[in-house]
Amino acid sequence: MKLYYVYILICSDGLTYTGFTNNISRRFEEHQIGHNKTCFTYERRPVKLIFNQEFNDVNQAIFFEKKIKRWSSKKKLALANGDFDLLQILSECRNATHSNFKPSKEE
């Protein structure tokens, strides 16, 4: 069975990088040695692998990677640290347009 991985790296400047691969050790080494000079992590080495999730379905892995790529760094770090309470808090919408903040309609 082929396995796929979604991973999060933390770079030397504190920024995060999210990626997808079918070989986590090879891909991490490529980031670490600067295999691709145009990669986001090239000028931000060394990098540290802080999270990886294994999938046996490529479509699920791609979906998850796209989802967390849009997350803030705080949410990614909460996921990597296993802080699911903080992740929940950071996921809640707290702006005035959210349905929880709209006054109820009086009849």
PDB file of N, CA and C in Angstrom:
ATOM      1  N   MET A   1       0.838  -1.175   0.000  1.00  0.00           N
ATOM      2  CA  MET A   1       0.000   0.000   0.000  1.00  0.00           C
ATOM      3  C   MET A   1       0.886   1.243   0.000  1.00  0.00           C
ATOM      4  N   LYS A   2       0.564   2.186  -0.854  1.00  0.00           N
ATOM      5  CA  LYS A   2       1.317   3.433  -0.961  1.00  0.00           C
ATOM      6  C   LYS A   2       0.828   4.400   0.107  1.00  0.00           C
ATOM      7  N   LEU A   3       1.762   5.091   0.739  1.00  0.00           N
ATOM      8  CA  LEU A   3       1.432   6.057   1.780  1.00  0.00           C
ATOM      9  C   LEU A   3       1.789   7.462   1.316  1.00  0.00           C
ATOM     10  N   TYR A   4       1.027   8.435   1.823  1.00  0.00           N
ATOM     11  CA  TYR A   4       1.218   9.839   1.498  1.00  0.00           C
ATOM     12  C   TYR A   4       1.254  10.616   2.808  1.00  0.00           C
ATOM     13  N   TYR A   5       1.958  11.716   2.800  1.00  0.00           N
ATOM     14  CA  TYR A   5       2.157  12.484   4.024  1.00  0.00           C
ATOM     15  C   TYR A   5       1.898  13.962   3.779  1.00  0.00           C
ATOM     16  N   VAL A   6       1.235  14.576   4.731  1.00  0.00           N
ATOM     17  CA  VAL A   6       1.132  16.019   4.801  1.00  0.00           C
ATOM     18  C   VAL A   6       1.994  16.411   5.989  1.00  0.00           C
ATOM     19  N   TYR A   7       2.825  17.419   5.791  1.00  0.00           N
ATOM     20  CA  TYR A   7       3.779  17.776   6.834  1.00  0.00           C
ATOM     21  C   TYR A   7       3.851  19.286   7.009  1.00  0.00           C
ATOM     22  N   ILE A   8       4.293  19.681   8.191  1.00  0.00           N
ATOM     23  CA  ILE A   8       4.536  21.091   8.496  1.00  0.00           C
ATOM     24  C   ILE A   8       5.973  21.220   8.981  1.00  0.00           C
ATOM     25  N   LEU A   9       6.679  22.170   8.406  1.00  0.00           N
ATOM     26  CA  LEU A   9       8.032  22.507   8.835  1.00  0.00           C
ATOM     27  C   LEU A   9       7.999  23.867   9.504  1.00  0.00           C
ATOM     28  N   ILE A  10       8.866  24.062  10.464  1.00  0.00           N
ATOM     29  CA  ILE A  10       9.089  25.405  10.979  1.00  0.00           C
ATOM     30  C   ILE A  10      10.484  25.811  10.526  1.00  0.00           C
ATOM     31  N   CYS A  11      10.561  26.982   9.950  1.00  0.00           N
ATOM     32  CA  CYS A  11      11.814  27.465   9.367  1.00  0.00           C
ATOM     33  C   CYS A  11      12.612  28.245  10.407  1.00  0.00           C
ATOM     34  N   SER A  12      13.851  28.527  10.081  1.00  0.00           N
ATOM     35  CA  SER A  12      14.749  29.218  11.013  1.00  0.00           C
ATOM     36  C   SER A  12      14.250  30.617  11.360  1.00  0.00           C
ATOM     37  N   ASP A  13      13.429  31.211  10.498  1.00  0.00           N
ATOM     38  CA  ASP A  13      12.886  32.543  10.774  1.00  0.00           C
ATOM     39  C   ASP A  13      11.527  32.490  11.468  1.00  0.00           C
ATOM     40  N   GLY A  14      11.069  31.288  11.836  1.00  0.00           N
ATOM     41  CA  GLY A  14       9.808  31.133  12.549  1.00  0.00           C
ATOM     42  C   GLY A  14       8.590  30.943  11.671  1.00  0.00           C
ATOM     43  N   LEU A  15       8.749  31.080  10.353  1.00  0.00           N
ATOM     44  CA  LEU A  15       7.633  30.854   9.442  1.00  0.00           C
ATOM     45  C   LEU A  15       7.403  29.358   9.274  1.00  0.00           C
ATOM     46  N   THR A  16       6.181  29.012   8.877  1.00  0.00           N
ATOM     47  CA  THR A  16       5.849  27.604   8.669  1.00  0.00           C
ATOM     48  C   THR A  16       5.702  27.310   7.185  1.00  0.00           C
ATOM     49  N   TYR A  17       5.950  26.065   6.848  1.00  0.00           N
ATOM     50  CA  TYR A  17       5.791  25.581   5.476  1.00  0.00           C
ATOM     51  C   TYR A  17       5.000  24.282   5.550  1.00  0.00           C
ATOM     52  N   THR A  18       3.982  24.171   4.708  1.00  0.00           N
ATOM     53  CA  THR A  18       3.158  22.972   4.655  1.00  0.00           C
ATOM     54  C   THR A  18       3.357  22.299   3.311  1.00  0.00           C
ATOM     55  N   GLY A  19       3.544  20.984   3.322  1.00  0.00           N
ATOM     56  CA  GLY A  19       3.771  20.259   2.080  1.00  0.00           C
ATOM     57  C   GLY A  19       3.133  18.887   2.084  1.00  0.00           C
ATOM     58  N   PHE A  20       3.285  18.232   0.951  1.00  0.00           N
ATOM     59  CA  PHE A  20       2.698  16.925   0.687  1.00  0.00           C
ATOM     60  C   PHE A  20       3.744  16.091  -0.033  1.00  0.00           C
ATOM     61  N   THR A  21       3.874  14.812   0.335  1.00  0.00           N
ATOM     62  CA  THR A  21       4.864  13.943  -0.296  1.00  0.00           C
ATOM     63  C   THR A  21       4.473  12.480  -0.122  1.00  0.00           C
ATOM     64  N   ASN A  22       5.136  11.624  -0.871  1.00  0.00           N
ATOM     65  CA  ASN A  22       4.959  10.182  -0.655  1.00  0.00           C
ATOM     66  C   ASN A  22       6.187   9.570   0.017  1.00  0.00           C
ATOM     67  N   ASN A  23       7.174  10.414   0.352  1.00  0.00           N
ATOM     68  CA  ASN A  23       8.376   9.951   1.043  1.00  0.00           C
ATOM     69  C   ASN A  23       8.844  11.062   1.982  1.00  0.00           C
ATOM     70  N   ILE A  24       8.411  10.998   3.222  1.00  0.00           N
ATOM     71  CA  ILE A  24       8.651  12.083   4.171  1.00  0.00           C
ATOM     72  C   ILE A  24      10.130  12.285   4.474  1.00  0.00           C
ATOM     73  N   SER A  25      10.896  11.216   4.621  1.00  0.00           N
ATOM     74  CA  SER A  25      12.320  11.381   4.953  1.00  0.00           C
ATOM     75  C   SER A  25      13.093  11.987   3.784  1.00  0.00           C
ATOM     76  N   ARG A  26      12.800  11.549   2.564  1.00  0.00           N
ATOM     77  CA  ARG A  26      13.468  12.114   1.382  1.00  0.00           C
ATOM     78  C   ARG A  26      13.126  13.590   1.233  1.00  0.00           C
ATOM     79  N   ARG A  27      11.838  13.921   1.384  1.00  0.00           N
ATOM     80  CA  ARG A  27      11.401  15.296   1.178  1.00  0.00           C
ATOM     81  C   ARG A  27      11.978  16.221   2.252  1.00  0.00           C
ATOM     82  N   PHE A  28      12.023  15.755   3.488  1.00  0.00           N
ATOM     83  CA  PHE A  28      12.611  16.564   4.549  1.00  0.00           C
ATOM     84  C   PHE A  28      14.089  16.832   4.250  1.00  0.00           C
ATOM     85  N   GLU A  29      14.799  15.806   3.833  1.00  0.00           N
ATOM     86  CA  GLU A  29      16.222  15.967   3.500  1.00  0.00           C
ATOM     87  C   GLU A  29      16.404  16.972   2.357  1.00  0.00           C
ATOM     88  N   GLU A  30      15.520  16.931   1.369  1.00  0.00           N
ATOM     89  CA  GLU A  30      15.590  17.902   0.257  1.00  0.00           C
ATOM     90  C   GLU A  30      15.428  19.328   0.761  1.00  0.00           C
ATOM     91  N   HIS A  31      14.496  19.529   1.688  1.00  0.00           N
ATOM     92  CA  HIS A  31      14.329  20.862   2.283  1.00  0.00           C
ATOM     93  C   HIS A  31      15.590  21.248   3.061  1.00  0.00           C
ATOM     94  N   GLN A  32      16.099  20.325   3.837  1.00  0.00           N
ATOM     95  CA  GLN A  32      17.212  20.621   4.735  1.00  0.00           C
ATOM     96  C   GLN A  32      18.499  20.966   3.972  1.00  0.00           C
ATOM     97  N   ILE A  33      18.762  20.247   2.884  1.00  0.00           N
ATOM     98  CA  ILE A  33      20.002  20.518   2.131  1.00  0.00           C
ATOM     99  C   ILE A  33      19.834  21.619   1.087  1.00  0.00           C
ATOM    100  N   GLY A  34      18.607  22.064   0.850  1.00  0.00           N
ATOM    101  CA  GLY A  34      18.380  23.117  -0.137  1.00  0.00           C
ATOM    102  C   GLY A  34      18.400  22.592  -1.554  1.00  0.00           C
ATOM    103  N   HIS A  35      17.777  21.469  -1.763  1.00  0.00           N
ATOM    104  CA  HIS A  35      17.749  20.815  -3.077  1.00  0.00           C
ATOM    105  C   HIS A  35      17.202  21.721  -4.178  1.00  0.00           C
ATOM    106  N   ASN A  36      16.196  22.516  -3.856  1.00  0.00           N
ATOM    107  CA  ASN A  36      15.553  23.379  -4.843  1.00  0.00           C
ATOM    108  C   ASN A  36      15.725  24.839  -4.411  1.00  0.00           C
ATOM    109  N   LYS A  37      16.507  25.598  -5.167  1.00  0.00           N
ATOM    110  CA  LYS A  37      16.804  26.984  -4.809  1.00  0.00           C
ATOM    111  C   LYS A  37      15.588  27.898  -4.882  1.00  0.00           C
ATOM    112  N   THR A  38      14.541  27.485  -5.566  1.00  0.00           N
ATOM    113  CA  THR A  38      13.342  28.314  -5.664  1.00  0.00           C
ATOM    114  C   THR A  38      12.299  27.961  -4.598  1.00  0.00           C
ATOM    115  N   CYS A  39      12.591  26.974  -3.780  1.00  0.00           N
ATOM    116  CA  CYS A  39      11.649  26.551  -2.738  1.00  0.00           C
ATOM    117  C   CYS A  39      11.582  27.602  -1.620  1.00  0.00           C
ATOM    118  N   PHE A  40      10.401  27.763  -1.047  1.00  0.00           N
ATOM    119  CA  PHE A  40      10.164  28.692   0.057  1.00  0.00           C
ATOM    120  C   PHE A  40      11.167  28.506   1.192  1.00  0.00           C
ATOM    121  N   THR A  41      11.549  27.268   1.454  1.00  0.00           N
ATOM    122  CA  THR A  41      12.413  26.977   2.603  1.00  0.00           C
ATOM    123  C   THR A  41      13.901  27.189   2.322  1.00  0.00           C
ATOM    124  N   TYR A  42      14.284  27.389   1.075  1.00  0.00           N
ATOM    125  CA  TYR A  42      15.706  27.442   0.719  1.00  0.00           C
ATOM    126  C   TYR A  42      16.474  28.482   1.547  1.00  0.00           C
ATOM    127  N   GLU A  43      15.971  29.697   1.603  1.00  0.00           N
ATOM    128  CA  GLU A  43      16.642  30.776   2.347  1.00  0.00           C
ATOM    129  C   GLU A  43      16.280  30.761   3.829  1.00  0.00           C
ATOM    130  N   ARG A  44      15.470  29.797   4.249  1.00  0.00           N
ATOM    131  CA  ARG A  44      14.983  29.760   5.628  1.00  0.00           C
ATOM    132  C   ARG A  44      15.495  28.531   6.386  1.00  0.00           C
ATOM    133  N   ARG A  45      16.566  27.925   5.899  1.00  0.00           N
ATOM    134  CA  ARG A  45      17.138  26.757   6.543  1.00  0.00           C
ATOM    135  C   ARG A  45      17.980  27.168   7.738  1.00  0.00           C
ATOM    136  N   PRO A  46      18.133  26.311   8.723  1.00  0.00           N
ATOM    137  CA  PRO A  46      17.617  24.943   8.785  1.00  0.00           C
ATOM    138  C   PRO A  46      16.124  24.926   9.108  1.00  0.00           C
ATOM    139  N   VAL A  47      15.495  23.827   8.751  1.00  0.00           N
ATOM    140  CA  VAL A  47      14.077  23.636   9.025  1.00  0.00           C
ATOM    141  C   VAL A  47      13.920  22.477  10.003  1.00  0.00           C
ATOM    142  N   LYS A  48      12.769  22.468  10.658  1.00  0.00           N
ATOM    143  CA  LYS A  48      12.482  21.400  11.615  1.00  0.00           C
ATOM    144  C   LYS A  48      11.108  20.842  11.293  1.00  0.00           C
ATOM    145  N   LEU A  49      11.004  19.525  11.208  1.00  0.00           N
ATOM    146  CA  LEU A  49       9.732  18.864  10.987  1.00  0.00           C
ATOM    147  C   LEU A  49       8.963  18.863  12.303  1.00  0.00           C
ATOM    148  N   ILE A  50       7.800  19.560  12.321  1.00  0.00           N
ATOM    149  CA  ILE A  50       7.040  19.650  13.568  1.00  0.00           C
ATOM    150  C   ILE A  50       5.733  18.871  13.518  1.00  0.00           C
ATOM    151  N   PHE A  51       5.335  18.424  12.329  1.00  0.00           N
ATOM    152  CA  PHE A  51       4.082  17.680  12.210  1.00  0.00           C
ATOM    153  C   PHE A  51       4.097  16.870  10.932  1.00  0.00           C
ATOM    154  N   ASN A  52       3.549  15.650  10.997  1.00  0.00           N
ATOM    155  CA  ASN A  52       3.258  14.907   9.772  1.00  0.00           C
ATOM    156  C   ASN A  52       2.094  13.975  10.036  1.00  0.00           C
ATOM    157  N   GLN A  53       1.256  13.858   9.030  1.00  0.00           N
ATOM    158  CA  GLN A  53       0.077  12.995   9.091  1.00  0.00           C
ATOM    159  C   GLN A  53       0.140  12.046   7.907  1.00  0.00           C
ATOM    160  N   GLU A  54      -0.047  10.782   8.177  1.00  0.00           N
ATOM    161  CA  GLU A  54       0.026   9.736   7.154  1.00  0.00           C
ATOM    162  C   GLU A  54      -1.369   9.457   6.583  1.00  0.00           C
ATOM    163  N   PHE A  55      -1.434   9.266   5.278  1.00  0.00           N
ATOM    164  CA  PHE A  55      -2.675   8.937   4.577  1.00  0.00           C
ATOM    165  C   PHE A  55      -2.418   7.771   3.640  1.00  0.00           C
ATOM    166  N   ASN A  56      -3.418   6.940   3.427  1.00  0.00           N
ATOM    167  CA  ASN A  56      -3.290   5.898   2.406  1.00  0.00           C
ATOM    168  C   ASN A  56      -4.117   6.227   1.178  1.00  0.00           C
ATOM    169  N   ASP A  57      -4.796   7.367   1.200  1.00  0.00           N
ATOM    170  CA  ASP A  57      -5.574   7.847   0.052  1.00  0.00           C
ATOM    171  C   ASP A  57      -4.998   9.187  -0.388  1.00  0.00           C
ATOM    172  N   VAL A  58      -4.494   9.253  -1.595  1.00  0.00           N
ATOM    173  CA  VAL A  58      -3.839  10.459  -2.102  1.00  0.00           C
ATOM    174  C   VAL A  58      -4.795  11.642  -2.114  1.00  0.00           C
ATOM    175  N   ASN A  59      -6.055  11.419  -2.430  1.00  0.00           N
ATOM    176  CA  ASN A  59      -7.017  12.520  -2.485  1.00  0.00           C
ATOM    177  C   ASN A  59      -7.280  13.117  -1.106  1.00  0.00           C
ATOM    178  N   GLN A  60      -7.331  12.272  -0.084  1.00  0.00           N
ATOM    179  CA  GLN A  60      -7.504  12.777   1.278  1.00  0.00           C
ATOM    180  C   GLN A  60      -6.290  13.603   1.700  1.00  0.00           C
ATOM    181  N   ALA A  61      -5.114  13.150   1.344  1.00  0.00           N
ATOM    182  CA  ALA A  61      -3.889  13.872   1.689  1.00  0.00           C
ATOM    183  C   ALA A  61      -3.856  15.235   1.008  1.00  0.00           C
ATOM    184  N   ILE A  62      -4.193  15.275  -0.263  1.00  0.00           N
ATOM    185  CA  ILE A  62      -4.200  16.545  -1.002  1.00  0.00           C
ATOM    186  C   ILE A  62      -5.235  17.501  -0.413  1.00  0.00           C
ATOM    187  N   PHE A  63      -6.414  16.980  -0.091  1.00  0.00           N
ATOM    188  CA  PHE A  63      -7.466  17.799   0.504  1.00  0.00           C
ATOM    189  C   PHE A  63      -6.995  18.393   1.835  1.00  0.00           C
ATOM    190  N   PHE A  64      -6.374  17.572   2.683  1.00  0.00           N
ATOM    191  CA  PHE A  64      -5.912  18.037   3.986  1.00  0.00           C
ATOM    192  C   PHE A  64      -4.807  19.076   3.830  1.00  0.00           C
ATOM    193  N   GLU A  65      -3.882  18.828   2.907  1.00  0.00           N
ATOM    194  CA  GLU A  65      -2.798  19.799   2.695  1.00  0.00           C
ATOM    195  C   GLU A  65      -3.363  21.148   2.261  1.00  0.00           C
ATOM    196  N   LYS A  66      -4.279  21.142   1.315  1.00  0.00           N
ATOM    197  CA  LYS A  66      -4.875  22.401   0.853  1.00  0.00           C
ATOM    198  C   LYS A  66      -5.610  23.111   1.974  1.00  0.00           C
ATOM    199  N   LYS A  67      -6.255  22.338   2.829  1.00  0.00           N
ATOM    200  CA  LYS A  67      -7.003  22.913   3.949  1.00  0.00           C
ATOM    201  C   LYS A  67      -6.067  23.620   4.922  1.00  0.00           C
ATOM    202  N   ILE A  68      -5.013  22.923   5.364  1.00  0.00           N
ATOM    203  CA  ILE A  68      -4.161  23.546   6.383  1.00  0.00           C
ATOM    204  C   ILE A  68      -3.197  24.583   5.813  1.00  0.00           C
ATOM    205  N   LYS A  69      -2.958  24.579   4.511  1.00  0.00           N
ATOM    206  CA  LYS A  69      -2.135  25.635   3.909  1.00  0.00           C
ATOM    207  C   LYS A  69      -2.766  27.006   4.121  1.00  0.00           C
ATOM    208  N   ARG A  70      -4.100  27.041   4.209  1.00  0.00           N
ATOM    209  CA  ARG A  70      -4.806  28.307   4.394  1.00  0.00           C
ATOM    210  C   ARG A  70      -4.850  28.749   5.859  1.00  0.00           C
ATOM    211  N   TRP A  71      -4.439  27.881   6.768  1.00  0.00           N
ATOM    212  CA  TRP A  71      -4.479  28.200   8.189  1.00  0.00           C
ATOM    213  C   TRP A  71      -3.395  29.202   8.569  1.00  0.00           C
ATOM    214  N   SER A  72      -3.633  29.894   9.667  1.00  0.00           N
ATOM    215  CA  SER A  72      -2.615  30.789  10.219  1.00  0.00           C
ATOM    216  C   SER A  72      -1.484  29.944  10.832  1.00  0.00           C
ATOM    217  N   SER A  73      -0.371  30.597  11.051  1.00  0.00           N
ATOM    218  CA  SER A  73       0.750  29.908  11.713  1.00  0.00           C
ATOM    219  C   SER A  73       0.359  29.439  13.107  1.00  0.00           C
ATOM    220  N   LYS A  74      -0.447  30.240  13.809  1.00  0.00           N
ATOM    221  CA  LYS A  74      -0.874  29.862  15.154  1.00  0.00           C
ATOM    222  C   LYS A  74      -1.669  28.560  15.130  1.00  0.00           C
ATOM    223  N   LYS A  75      -2.559  28.433  14.145  1.00  0.00           N
ATOM    224  CA  LYS A  75      -3.343  27.202  14.044  1.00  0.00           C
ATOM    225  C   LYS A  75      -2.453  26.011  13.699  1.00  0.00           C
ATOM    226  N   LYS A  76      -1.500  26.208  12.796  1.00  0.00           N
ATOM    227  CA  LYS A  76      -0.583  25.126  12.429  1.00  0.00           C
ATOM    228  C   LYS A  76       0.255  24.682  13.614  1.00  0.00           C
ATOM    229  N   LEU A  77       0.722  25.638  14.409  1.00  0.00           N
ATOM    230  CA  LEU A  77       1.516  25.297  15.589  1.00  0.00           C
ATOM    231  C   LEU A  77       0.665  24.582  16.633  1.00  0.00           C
ATOM    232  N   ALA A  78      -0.594  24.998  16.788  1.00  0.00           N
ATOM    233  CA  ALA A  78      -1.490  24.310  17.725  1.00  0.00           C
ATOM    234  C   ALA A  78      -1.694  22.863  17.295  1.00  0.00           C
ATOM    235  N   LEU A  79      -1.888  22.638  16.005  1.00  0.00           N
ATOM    236  CA  LEU A  79      -2.029  21.277  15.481  1.00  0.00           C
ATOM    237  C   LEU A  79      -0.759  20.471  15.755  1.00  0.00           C
ATOM    238  N   ALA A  80       0.386  21.053  15.449  1.00  0.00           N
ATOM    239  CA  ALA A  80       1.662  20.361  15.632  1.00  0.00           C
ATOM    240  C   ALA A  80       1.920  20.023  17.101  1.00  0.00           C
ATOM    241  N   ASN A  81       1.462  20.885  17.996  1.00  0.00           N
ATOM    242  CA  ASN A  81       1.667  20.670  19.430  1.00  0.00           C
ATOM    243  C   ASN A  81       0.583  19.806  20.054  1.00  0.00           C
ATOM    244  N   GLY A  82      -0.407  19.420  19.258  1.00  0.00           N
ATOM    245  CA  GLY A  82      -1.498  18.609  19.794  1.00  0.00           C
ATOM    246  C   GLY A  82      -2.406  19.385  20.731  1.00  0.00           C
ATOM    247  N   ASP A  83      -2.396  20.698  20.609  1.00  0.00           N
ATOM    248  CA  ASP A  83      -3.219  21.559  21.466  1.00  0.00           C
ATOM    249  C   ASP A  83      -4.569  21.783  20.780  1.00  0.00           C
ATOM    250  N   PHE A  84      -5.438  20.794  20.895  1.00  0.00           N
ATOM    251  CA  PHE A  84      -6.706  20.815  20.182  1.00  0.00           C
ATOM    252  C   PHE A  84      -7.693  21.818  20.767  1.00  0.00           C
ATOM    253  N   ASP A  85      -7.559  22.158  22.059  1.00  0.00           N
ATOM    254  CA  ASP A  85      -8.404  23.202  22.642  1.00  0.00           C
ATOM    255  C   ASP A  85      -8.078  24.555  22.008  1.00  0.00           C
ATOM    256  N   LEU A  86      -6.795  24.870  21.903  1.00  0.00           N
ATOM    257  CA  LEU A  86      -6.378  26.117  21.269  1.00  0.00           C
ATOM    258  C   LEU A  86      -6.775  26.116  19.793  1.00  0.00           C
ATOM    259  N   LEU A  87      -6.603  24.989  19.124  1.00  0.00           N
ATOM    260  CA  LEU A  87      -6.987  24.883  17.720  1.00  0.00           C
ATOM    261  C   LEU A  87      -8.469  25.207  17.542  1.00  0.00           C
ATOM    262  N   GLN A  88      -9.308  24.708  18.438  1.00  0.00           N
ATOM    263  CA  GLN A  88     -10.743  24.994  18.395  1.00  0.00           C
ATOM    264  C   GLN A  88     -11.005  26.489  18.566  1.00  0.00           C
ATOM    265  N   ILE A  89     -10.335  27.102  19.531  1.00  0.00           N
ATOM    266  CA  ILE A  89     -10.511  28.535  19.781  1.00  0.00           C
ATOM    267  C   ILE A  89     -10.092  29.345  18.558  1.00  0.00           C
ATOM    268  N   LEU A  90      -8.954  28.998  17.976  1.00  0.00           N
ATOM    269  CA  LEU A  90      -8.459  29.727  16.809  1.00  0.00           C
ATOM    270  C   LEU A  90      -9.328  29.511  15.574  1.00  0.00           C
ATOM    271  N   SER A  91     -10.112  28.445  15.566  1.00  0.00           N
ATOM    272  CA  SER A  91     -10.969  28.128  14.425  1.00  0.00           C
ATOM    273  C   SER A  91     -12.318  28.830  14.484  1.00  0.00           C
ATOM    274  N   GLU A  92     -12.669  29.340  15.658  1.00  0.00           N
ATOM    275  CA  GLU A  92     -13.965  29.995  15.798  1.00  0.00           C
ATOM    276  C   GLU A  92     -13.932  31.372  15.168  1.00  0.00           C
ATOM    277  N   CYS A  93     -14.998  31.685  14.455  1.00  0.00           N
ATOM    278  CA  CYS A  93     -15.137  33.004  13.842  1.00  0.00           C
ATOM    279  C   CYS A  93     -15.576  33.984  14.922  1.00  0.00           C
ATOM    280  N   ARG A  94     -14.869  35.095  15.045  1.00  0.00           N
ATOM    281  CA  ARG A  94     -15.200  36.055  16.082  1.00  0.00           C
ATOM    282  C   ARG A  94     -15.472  37.452  15.523  1.00  0.00           C
ATOM    283  N   ASN A  95     -15.905  37.533  14.271  1.00  0.00           N
ATOM    284  CA  ASN A  95     -16.186  38.866  13.747  1.00  0.00           C
ATOM    285  C   ASN A  95     -17.686  39.153  13.780  1.00  0.00           C
ATOM    286  N   ALA A  96     -18.046  40.381  13.571  1.00  0.00           N
ATOM    287  CA  ALA A  96     -19.428  40.820  13.725  1.00  0.00           C
ATOM    288  C   ALA A  96     -20.366  40.239  12.667  1.00  0.00           C
ATOM    289  N   THR A  97     -19.843  39.685  11.602  1.00  0.00           N
ATOM    290  CA  THR A  97     -20.713  39.121  10.566  1.00  0.00           C
ATOM    291  C   THR A  97     -21.104  37.683  10.860  1.00  0.00           C
ATOM    292  N   HIS A  98     -20.509  37.090  11.884  1.00  0.00           N
ATOM    293  CA  HIS A  98     -20.810  35.707  12.227  1.00  0.00           C
ATOM    294  C   HIS A  98     -22.228  35.599  12.780  1.00  0.00           C
ATOM    295  N   SER A  99     -22.891  34.509  12.477  1.00  0.00           N
ATOM    296  CA  SER A  99     -24.294  34.330  12.879  1.00  0.00           C
ATOM    297  C   SER A  99     -24.492  34.403  14.387  1.00  0.00           C
ATOM    298  N   ASN A 100     -23.487  34.041  15.171  1.00  0.00           N
ATOM    299  CA  ASN A 100     -23.626  34.109  16.629  1.00  0.00           C
ATOM    300  C   ASN A 100     -23.718  35.544  17.135  1.00  0.00           C
ATOM    301  N   PHE A 101     -23.290  36.505  16.339  1.00  0.00           N
ATOM    302  CA  PHE A 101     -23.281  37.886  16.770  1.00  0.00           C
ATOM    303  C   PHE A 101     -24.437  38.692  16.209  1.00  0.00           C
ATOM    304  N   LYS A 102     -25.255  38.108  15.355  1.00  0.00           N
ATOM    305  CA  LYS A 102     -26.388  38.825  14.785  1.00  0.00           C
ATOM    306  C   LYS A 102     -27.554  38.801  15.763  1.00  0.00           C
ATOM    307  N   PRO A 103     -28.180  39.949  15.952  1.00  0.00           N
ATOM    308  CA  PRO A 103     -29.336  39.965  16.863  1.00  0.00           C
ATOM    309  C   PRO A 103     -30.472  39.116  16.303  1.00  0.00           C
ATOM    310  N   SER A 104     -31.197  38.501  17.204  1.00  0.00           N
ATOM    311  CA  SER A 104     -32.317  37.666  16.738  1.00  0.00           C
ATOM    312  C   SER A 104     -33.444  38.566  16.267  1.00  0.00           C
ATOM    313  N   LYS A 105     -34.192  38.059  15.298  1.00  0.00           N
ATOM    314  CA  LYS A 105     -35.313  38.812  14.737  1.00  0.00           C
ATOM    315  C   LYS A 105     -36.514  38.670  15.663  1.00  0.00           C
ATOM    316  N   GLU A 106     -37.051  39.789  16.061  1.00  0.00           N
ATOM    317  CA  GLU A 106     -38.246  39.750  16.900  1.00  0.00           C
ATOM    318  C   GLU A 106     -39.467  39.786  16.009  1.00  0.00           C
ATOM    319  N   GLU A 107     -40.440  38.999  16.353  1.00  0.00           N
ATOM    320  CA  GLU A 107     -41.648  38.917  15.522  1.00  0.00           C
ATOM    321  C   GLU A 107     -42.675  39.878  16.018  1.00  0.00           C
TER     322      GLU A 107
END
